[in-house]
Amino acid sequence: MARLEEKLEKGLKHINIDIPAEQKELLLNFIKLMDKWNKTYNLTSVRDVEQMIDKHLIDSLAVSGFLEGVNFIDVGTGPGLPGIPLAIINPDKNFYLLDSQSKRINFIKQVKREFNIKNIFPILGRCENFENSQPNPIHFDGILSRAFASLKDMLMLCGNMADEDTKFLALKGQADSTELSEIDANYKIISINKLNVPQTLGERHLIVIGKK
């Protein structure tokens, strides 16, 4: 446990995030539960719990400073990444976690129950079939993706979730010029942000896109 705490502290310092002790404990408990489930349900290809600190927690948390608004949907969230770590350190924001695999959504439901995280909302389904048509539709300030799809496919599959003020926030490795050039003409690149993450993660960028 001490090694995990030390690695988390080092990672948080690297990305300039200072959070209370109870949030750090919750982040570590989340990762330990993921590691436990991973042995049976194969939630993530990362097998080493220490590697999960950088590759899952720090990589997710690095985008926290770019979140503007209250409601965010994390598409293709997998076991809740980046949505759950972001929800833990941003208790004033809501994170809707969408994935098509029931084992991942069941894990997220267990996280919500076990750790009483009130601002995460697991949704089983596919992006292209998502319906936001209840009496009071949710306005999503941001649509988050991490290792989900190309920018072109993200915009095509998730456009039904966005209104004119919604921003798409895509966590990527390199900012590939070919991929950037392929985005639909109805969208514009708002910013390309190089993230200051640990060397183990390589080059990381957050690409922010909006409707024209």
C-alpha atoms as a PDB file:
ATOM      1  CA  MET A   1       0.000   0.000   0.000  1.00  0.00           C
ATOM      2  CA  ALA A   2       2.830   2.403   0.850  1.00  0.00           C
ATOM      3  CA  ARG A   3       4.363   1.926  -2.608  1.00  0.00           C
ATOM      4  CA  LEU A   4       1.044   2.720  -4.260  1.00  0.00           C
ATOM      5  CA  GLU A   5       0.599   5.815  -2.094  1.00  0.00           C
ATOM      6  CA  GLU A   6       4.097   6.996  -2.971  1.00  0.00           C
ATOM      7  CA  LYS A   7       3.541   6.436  -6.689  1.00  0.00           C
ATOM      8  CA  LEU A   8       0.226   8.289  -6.585  1.00  0.00           C
ATOM      9  CA  GLU A   9       1.779  11.234  -4.702  1.00  0.00           C
ATOM     10  CA  LYS A  10       4.583  11.437  -7.263  1.00  0.00           C
ATOM     11  CA  GLY A  11       2.134  11.304 -10.169  1.00  0.00           C
ATOM     12  CA  LEU A  12      -0.166  13.970  -8.712  1.00  0.00           C
ATOM     13  CA  LYS A  13       2.810  16.242  -8.145  1.00  0.00           C
ATOM     14  CA  HIS A  14       3.907  15.756 -11.748  1.00  0.00           C
ATOM     15  CA  ILE A  15       0.529  16.951 -13.078  1.00  0.00           C
ATOM     16  CA  ASN A  16       0.258  19.707 -10.442  1.00  0.00           C
ATOM     17  CA  ILE A  17      -2.861  18.415  -8.722  1.00  0.00           C
ATOM     18  CA  ASP A  18      -3.261  18.777  -4.967  1.00  0.00           C
ATOM     19  CA  ILE A  19      -6.228  16.933  -3.463  1.00  0.00           C
ATOM     20  CA  PRO A  20      -7.354  15.974   0.062  1.00  0.00           C
ATOM     21  CA  ALA A  21      -6.199  12.739   1.686  1.00  0.00           C
ATOM     22  CA  GLU A  22      -9.672  11.195   1.493  1.00  0.00           C
ATOM     23  CA  GLN A  23      -9.728  11.632  -2.297  1.00  0.00           C
ATOM     24  CA  LYS A  24      -6.290  10.021  -2.597  1.00  0.00           C
ATOM     25  CA  GLU A  25      -7.516   7.086  -0.518  1.00  0.00           C
ATOM     26  CA  LEU A  26     -10.598   6.741  -2.717  1.00  0.00           C
ATOM     27  CA  LEU A  27      -8.477   6.758  -5.897  1.00  0.00           C
ATOM     28  CA  LEU A  28      -6.297   3.972  -4.495  1.00  0.00           C
ATOM     29  CA  ASN A  29      -9.309   1.951  -3.358  1.00  0.00           C
ATOM     30  CA  PHE A  30     -10.786   2.279  -6.851  1.00  0.00           C
ATOM     31  CA  ILE A  31      -7.580   0.974  -8.445  1.00  0.00           C
ATOM     32  CA  LYS A  32      -7.304  -1.897  -5.960  1.00  0.00           C
ATOM     33  CA  LEU A  33     -10.882  -2.943  -6.679  1.00  0.00           C
ATOM     34  CA  MET A  34     -10.177  -2.748 -10.415  1.00  0.00           C
ATOM     35  CA  ASP A  35      -7.121  -4.949  -9.939  1.00  0.00           C
ATOM     36  CA  LYS A  36      -9.227  -7.470  -8.009  1.00  0.00           C
ATOM     37  CA  TRP A  37     -11.972  -7.592 -10.652  1.00  0.00           C
ATOM     38  CA  ASN A  38      -9.436  -7.632 -13.465  1.00  0.00           C
ATOM     39  CA  LYS A  39      -8.187 -11.055 -12.434  1.00  0.00           C
ATOM     40  CA  THR A  40     -11.625 -12.526 -13.188  1.00  0.00           C
ATOM     41  CA  TYR A  41     -13.307 -10.203 -15.670  1.00  0.00           C
ATOM     42  CA  ASN A  42     -10.405  -8.860 -17.765  1.00  0.00           C
ATOM     43  CA  LEU A  43     -11.450  -5.199 -17.501  1.00  0.00           C
ATOM     44  CA  THR A  44      -8.121  -3.773 -18.667  1.00  0.00           C
ATOM     45  CA  SER A  45      -4.947  -5.013 -20.363  1.00  0.00           C
ATOM     46  CA  VAL A  46      -2.842  -3.379 -17.623  1.00  0.00           C
ATOM     47  CA  ARG A  47      -2.126  -6.214 -15.183  1.00  0.00           C
ATOM     48  CA  ASP A  48       0.265  -4.606 -12.709  1.00  0.00           C
ATOM     49  CA  VAL A  49      -1.501  -2.537 -10.046  1.00  0.00           C
ATOM     50  CA  GLU A  50       1.445  -0.113  -9.751  1.00  0.00           C
ATOM     51  CA  GLN A  51       1.308   0.559 -13.497  1.00  0.00           C
ATOM     52  CA  MET A  52      -2.389   1.314 -13.124  1.00  0.00           C
ATOM     53  CA  ILE A  53      -1.488   4.396 -11.066  1.00  0.00           C
ATOM     54  CA  ASP A  54       0.142   6.200 -13.998  1.00  0.00           C
ATOM     55  CA  LYS A  55      -1.603   4.510 -16.910  1.00  0.00           C
ATOM     56  CA  HIS A  56      -5.125   4.825 -15.498  1.00  0.00           C
ATOM     57  CA  LEU A  57      -5.275   7.341 -12.633  1.00  0.00           C
ATOM     58  CA  ILE A  58      -2.717   9.997 -13.592  1.00  0.00           C
ATOM     59  CA  ASP A  59      -3.510   9.772 -17.301  1.00  0.00           C
ATOM     60  CA  SER A  60      -7.193  10.371 -16.504  1.00  0.00           C
ATOM     61  CA  LEU A  61      -6.635  13.126 -13.939  1.00  0.00           C
ATOM     62  CA  ALA A  62      -4.356  15.117 -16.263  1.00  0.00           C
ATOM     63  CA  VAL A  63      -7.420  16.494 -18.079  1.00  0.00           C
ATOM     64  CA  SER A  64      -9.197  17.726 -14.934  1.00  0.00           C
ATOM     65  CA  GLY A  65      -8.153  21.353 -15.397  1.00  0.00           C
ATOM     66  CA  PHE A  66      -9.845  21.467 -18.800  1.00  0.00           C
ATOM     67  CA  LEU A  67     -13.324  20.529 -17.585  1.00  0.00           C
ATOM     68  CA  GLU A  68     -15.696  23.471 -18.001  1.00  0.00           C
ATOM     69  CA  GLY A  69     -19.271  22.945 -16.882  1.00  0.00           C
ATOM     70  CA  VAL A  70     -21.178  20.434 -14.773  1.00  0.00           C
ATOM     71  CA  ASN A  71     -22.341  17.453 -16.857  1.00  0.00           C
ATOM     72  CA  PHE A  72     -19.956  15.180 -18.755  1.00  0.00           C
ATOM     73  CA  ILE A  73     -20.449  11.901 -20.577  1.00  0.00           C
ATOM     74  CA  ASP A  74     -17.510   9.521 -20.827  1.00  0.00           C
ATOM     75  CA  VAL A  75     -18.000   7.414 -23.968  1.00  0.00           C
ATOM     76  CA  GLY A  76     -16.438   3.980 -24.228  1.00  0.00           C
ATOM     77  CA  THR A  77     -15.524   4.390 -20.584  1.00  0.00           C
ATOM     78  CA  GLY A  78     -14.341   0.796 -20.091  1.00  0.00           C
ATOM     79  CA  PRO A  79     -13.934   0.309 -16.333  1.00  0.00           C
ATOM     80  CA  GLY A  80     -14.699   3.995 -15.728  1.00  0.00           C
ATOM     81  CA  LEU A  81     -11.746   5.813 -17.261  1.00  0.00           C
ATOM     82  CA  PRO A  82     -11.313   8.730 -17.189  1.00  0.00           C
ATOM     83  CA  GLY A  83     -14.735   9.329 -15.641  1.00  0.00           C
ATOM     84  CA  ILE A  84     -14.378   7.780 -12.182  1.00  0.00           C
ATOM     85  CA  PRO A  85     -11.012   9.369 -11.244  1.00  0.00           C
ATOM     86  CA  LEU A  86     -12.315  12.723 -12.502  1.00  0.00           C
ATOM     87  CA  ALA A  87     -15.541  12.303 -10.511  1.00  0.00           C
ATOM     88  CA  ILE A  88     -13.576  11.554  -7.343  1.00  0.00           C
ATOM     89  CA  ILE A  89     -11.606  14.810  -7.492  1.00  0.00           C
ATOM     90  CA  ASN A  90     -14.512  16.869  -8.934  1.00  0.00           C
ATOM     91  CA  PRO A  91     -17.453  16.074  -6.627  1.00  0.00           C
ATOM     92  CA  ASP A  92     -19.284  19.163  -7.923  1.00  0.00           C
ATOM     93  CA  LYS A  93     -19.525  17.700 -11.464  1.00  0.00           C
ATOM     94  CA  ASN A  94     -21.608  14.803 -12.839  1.00  0.00           C
ATOM     95  CA  PHE A  95     -20.117  12.019 -14.946  1.00  0.00           C
ATOM     96  CA  TYR A  96     -22.267   9.713 -17.074  1.00  0.00           C
ATOM     97  CA  LEU A  97     -20.259   6.586 -17.918  1.00  0.00           C
ATOM     98  CA  LEU A  98     -21.298   4.841 -21.133  1.00  0.00           C
ATOM     99  CA  ASP A  99     -20.037   1.449 -22.274  1.00  0.00           C
ATOM    100  CA  SER A 100     -21.446  -1.426 -24.334  1.00  0.00           C
ATOM    101  CA  GLN A 101     -20.041  -4.249 -22.171  1.00  0.00           C
ATOM    102  CA  SER A 102     -22.126  -5.293 -19.192  1.00  0.00           C
ATOM    103  CA  LYS A 103     -19.124  -6.551 -17.171  1.00  0.00           C
ATOM    104  CA  ARG A 104     -17.632  -3.052 -17.227  1.00  0.00           C
ATOM    105  CA  ILE A 105     -20.911  -1.373 -16.284  1.00  0.00           C
ATOM    106  CA  ASN A 106     -21.401  -3.911 -13.480  1.00  0.00           C
ATOM    107  CA  PHE A 107     -17.952  -3.008 -12.173  1.00  0.00           C
ATOM    108  CA  ILE A 108     -18.810   0.713 -12.259  1.00  0.00           C
ATOM    109  CA  LYS A 109     -22.057   0.010 -10.378  1.00  0.00           C
ATOM    110  CA  GLN A 110     -20.049  -1.843  -7.736  1.00  0.00           C
ATOM    111  CA  VAL A 111     -17.633   1.111  -7.445  1.00  0.00           C
ATOM    112  CA  LYS A 112     -20.585   3.473  -7.016  1.00  0.00           C
ATOM    113  CA  ARG A 113     -22.134   1.288  -4.288  1.00  0.00           C
ATOM    114  CA  GLU A 114     -18.991   0.324  -2.424  1.00  0.00           C
ATOM    115  CA  PHE A 115     -17.440   3.795  -2.284  1.00  0.00           C
ATOM    116  CA  ASN A 116     -20.676   5.852  -2.297  1.00  0.00           C
ATOM    117  CA  ILE A 117     -19.625   7.984  -5.278  1.00  0.00           C
ATOM    118  CA  LYS A 118     -22.815   9.925  -5.894  1.00  0.00           C
ATOM    119  CA  ASN A 119     -21.765  11.817  -9.046  1.00  0.00           C
ATOM    120  CA  ILE A 120     -21.215   8.854 -11.392  1.00  0.00           C
ATOM    121  CA  PHE A 121     -24.050   7.376 -13.463  1.00  0.00           C
ATOM    122  CA  PRO A 122     -23.330   4.103 -15.323  1.00  0.00           C
ATOM    123  CA  ILE A 123     -25.125   3.565 -18.645  1.00  0.00           C
ATOM    124  CA  LEU A 124     -25.066   0.316 -20.625  1.00  0.00           C
ATOM    125  CA  GLY A 125     -25.295   1.005 -24.347  1.00  0.00           C
ATOM    126  CA  ARG A 126     -23.643   2.210 -27.509  1.00  0.00           C
ATOM    127  CA  CYS A 127     -22.939   5.828 -28.426  1.00  0.00           C
ATOM    128  CA  GLU A 128     -24.873   5.773 -31.688  1.00  0.00           C
ATOM    129  CA  ASN A 129     -27.978   4.405 -29.930  1.00  0.00           C
ATOM    130  CA  PHE A 130     -27.880   6.767 -26.960  1.00  0.00           C
ATOM    131  CA  GLU A 131     -31.191   8.541 -26.399  1.00  0.00           C
ATOM    132  CA  ASN A 132     -31.321  11.774 -24.449  1.00  0.00           C
ATOM    133  CA  SER A 133     -35.026  12.381 -24.864  1.00  0.00           C
ATOM    134  CA  GLN A 134     -36.457  12.199 -21.367  1.00  0.00           C
ATOM    135  CA  PRO A 135     -38.726  15.082 -20.217  1.00  0.00           C
ATOM    136  CA  ASN A 136     -35.643  16.997 -19.074  1.00  0.00           C
ATOM    137  CA  PRO A 137     -32.813  16.070 -21.462  1.00  0.00           C
ATOM    138  CA  ILE A 138     -29.308  16.362 -20.035  1.00  0.00           C
ATOM    139  CA  HIS A 139     -27.155  19.100 -21.503  1.00  0.00           C
ATOM    140  CA  PHE A 140     -23.659  17.677 -21.707  1.00  0.00           C
ATOM    141  CA  ASP A 141     -21.015  20.338 -21.297  1.00  0.00           C
ATOM    142  CA  GLY A 142     -18.403  17.860 -22.446  1.00  0.00           C
ATOM    143  CA  ILE A 143     -18.111  14.502 -24.193  1.00  0.00           C
ATOM    144  CA  LEU A 144     -14.991  12.695 -22.972  1.00  0.00           C
ATOM    145  CA  SER A 145     -13.127   9.926 -24.734  1.00  0.00           C
ATOM    146  CA  ARG A 146      -9.931   8.070 -23.947  1.00  0.00           C
ATOM    147  CA  ALA A 147      -8.543   5.415 -26.308  1.00  0.00           C
ATOM    148  CA  PHE A 148     -12.020   5.260 -27.852  1.00  0.00           C
ATOM    149  CA  ALA A 149     -11.968   5.990 -31.580  1.00  0.00           C
ATOM    150  CA  SER A 150     -10.585   8.327 -34.205  1.00  0.00           C
ATOM    151  CA  LEU A 151     -11.726  11.938 -33.951  1.00  0.00           C
ATOM    152  CA  LYS A 152     -13.779  11.482 -37.119  1.00  0.00           C
ATOM    153  CA  ASP A 153     -15.564   8.438 -35.679  1.00  0.00           C
ATOM    154  CA  MET A 154     -16.032  10.064 -32.283  1.00  0.00           C
ATOM    155  CA  LEU A 155     -17.826  13.027 -33.827  1.00  0.00           C
ATOM    156  CA  MET A 156     -19.927  10.778 -36.056  1.00  0.00           C
ATOM    157  CA  LEU A 157     -20.923   8.340 -33.302  1.00  0.00           C
ATOM    158  CA  CYS A 158     -21.464  10.906 -30.535  1.00  0.00           C
ATOM    159  CA  GLY A 159     -22.888  13.856 -32.438  1.00  0.00           C
ATOM    160  CA  ASN A 160     -26.377  12.909 -31.225  1.00  0.00           C
ATOM    161  CA  MET A 161     -25.291  13.720 -27.659  1.00  0.00           C
ATOM    162  CA  ALA A 162     -24.104  17.235 -28.419  1.00  0.00           C
ATOM    163  CA  ASP A 163     -25.794  20.586 -28.771  1.00  0.00           C
ATOM    164  CA  GLU A 164     -24.160  23.765 -30.053  1.00  0.00           C
ATOM    165  CA  ASP A 165     -22.395  24.429 -26.721  1.00  0.00           C
ATOM    166  CA  THR A 166     -21.064  20.911 -26.076  1.00  0.00           C
ATOM    167  CA  LYS A 167     -17.324  20.370 -26.336  1.00  0.00           C
ATOM    168  CA  PHE A 168     -15.669  17.113 -27.345  1.00  0.00           C
ATOM    169  CA  LEU A 169     -12.607  16.321 -25.237  1.00  0.00           C
ATOM    170  CA  ALA A 170     -10.478  13.564 -26.761  1.00  0.00           C
ATOM    171  CA  LEU A 171      -7.497  12.229 -24.836  1.00  0.00           C
ATOM    172  CA  LYS A 172      -4.904  11.138 -27.397  1.00  0.00           C
ATOM    173  CA  GLY A 173      -1.258  10.239 -27.720  1.00  0.00           C
ATOM    174  CA  GLN A 174       0.138  12.333 -30.548  1.00  0.00           C
ATOM    175  CA  ALA A 175      -1.869  15.102 -32.174  1.00  0.00           C
ATOM    176  CA  ASP A 176      -1.907  13.433 -35.578  1.00  0.00           C
ATOM    177  CA  SER A 177      -2.241  15.938 -38.412  1.00  0.00           C
ATOM    178  CA  THR A 178      -3.960  13.442 -40.716  1.00  0.00           C
ATOM    179  CA  GLU A 179      -6.542  12.576 -38.061  1.00  0.00           C
ATOM    180  CA  LEU A 180      -7.128  16.261 -37.350  1.00  0.00           C
ATOM    181  CA  SER A 181      -7.667  17.004 -41.039  1.00  0.00           C
ATOM    182  CA  GLU A 182     -10.382  14.344 -41.316  1.00  0.00           C
ATOM    183  CA  ILE A 183     -12.860  15.872 -38.860  1.00  0.00           C
ATOM    184  CA  ASP A 184     -16.243  16.842 -40.268  1.00  0.00           C
ATOM    185  CA  ALA A 185     -16.611  20.355 -41.703  1.00  0.00           C
ATOM    186  CA  ASN A 186     -19.380  21.085 -39.190  1.00  0.00           C
ATOM    187  CA  TYR A 187     -16.837  20.985 -36.368  1.00  0.00           C
ATOM    188  CA  LYS A 188     -13.855  23.109 -35.418  1.00  0.00           C
ATOM    189  CA  ILE A 189     -10.736  22.443 -33.373  1.00  0.00           C
ATOM    190  CA  ILE A 190     -10.852  24.720 -30.331  1.00  0.00           C
ATOM    191  CA  SER A 191      -7.494  23.774 -28.834  1.00  0.00           C
ATOM    192  CA  ILE A 192      -4.741  21.163 -28.828  1.00  0.00           C
ATOM    193  CA  ASN A 193      -3.220  20.837 -25.372  1.00  0.00           C
ATOM    194  CA  LYS A 194      -0.015  18.950 -24.645  1.00  0.00           C
ATOM    195  CA  LEU A 195      -0.360  17.281 -21.257  1.00  0.00           C
ATOM    196  CA  ASN A 196       2.472  17.200 -18.756  1.00  0.00           C
ATOM    197  CA  VAL A 197       2.313  13.526 -17.793  1.00  0.00           C
ATOM    198  CA  PRO A 198       4.943  11.064 -16.489  1.00  0.00           C
ATOM    199  CA  GLN A 199       7.423   9.761 -19.065  1.00  0.00           C
ATOM    200  CA  THR A 200       5.965   6.274 -18.760  1.00  0.00           C
ATOM    201  CA  LEU A 201       2.877   7.512 -20.599  1.00  0.00           C
ATOM    202  CA  GLY A 202       4.756   8.962 -23.556  1.00  0.00           C
ATOM    203  CA  GLU A 203       3.318  11.912 -25.450  1.00  0.00           C
ATOM    204  CA  ARG A 204      -0.241  12.846 -24.449  1.00  0.00           C
ATOM    205  CA  HIS A 205      -2.581  15.505 -25.802  1.00  0.00           C
ATOM    206  CA  LEU A 206      -6.109  16.666 -25.072  1.00  0.00           C
ATOM    207  CA  ILE A 207      -7.882  17.785 -28.241  1.00  0.00           C
ATOM    208  CA  VAL A 208     -10.930  19.997 -27.693  1.00  0.00           C
ATOM    209  CA  ILE A 209     -13.480  20.238 -30.519  1.00  0.00           C
ATOM    210  CA  GLY A 210     -16.759  22.123 -30.841  1.00  0.00           C
ATOM    211  CA  LYS A 211     -19.533  22.654 -33.358  1.00  0.00           C
ATOM    212  CA  LYS A 212     -19.176  25.533 -35.764  1.00  0.00           C
END
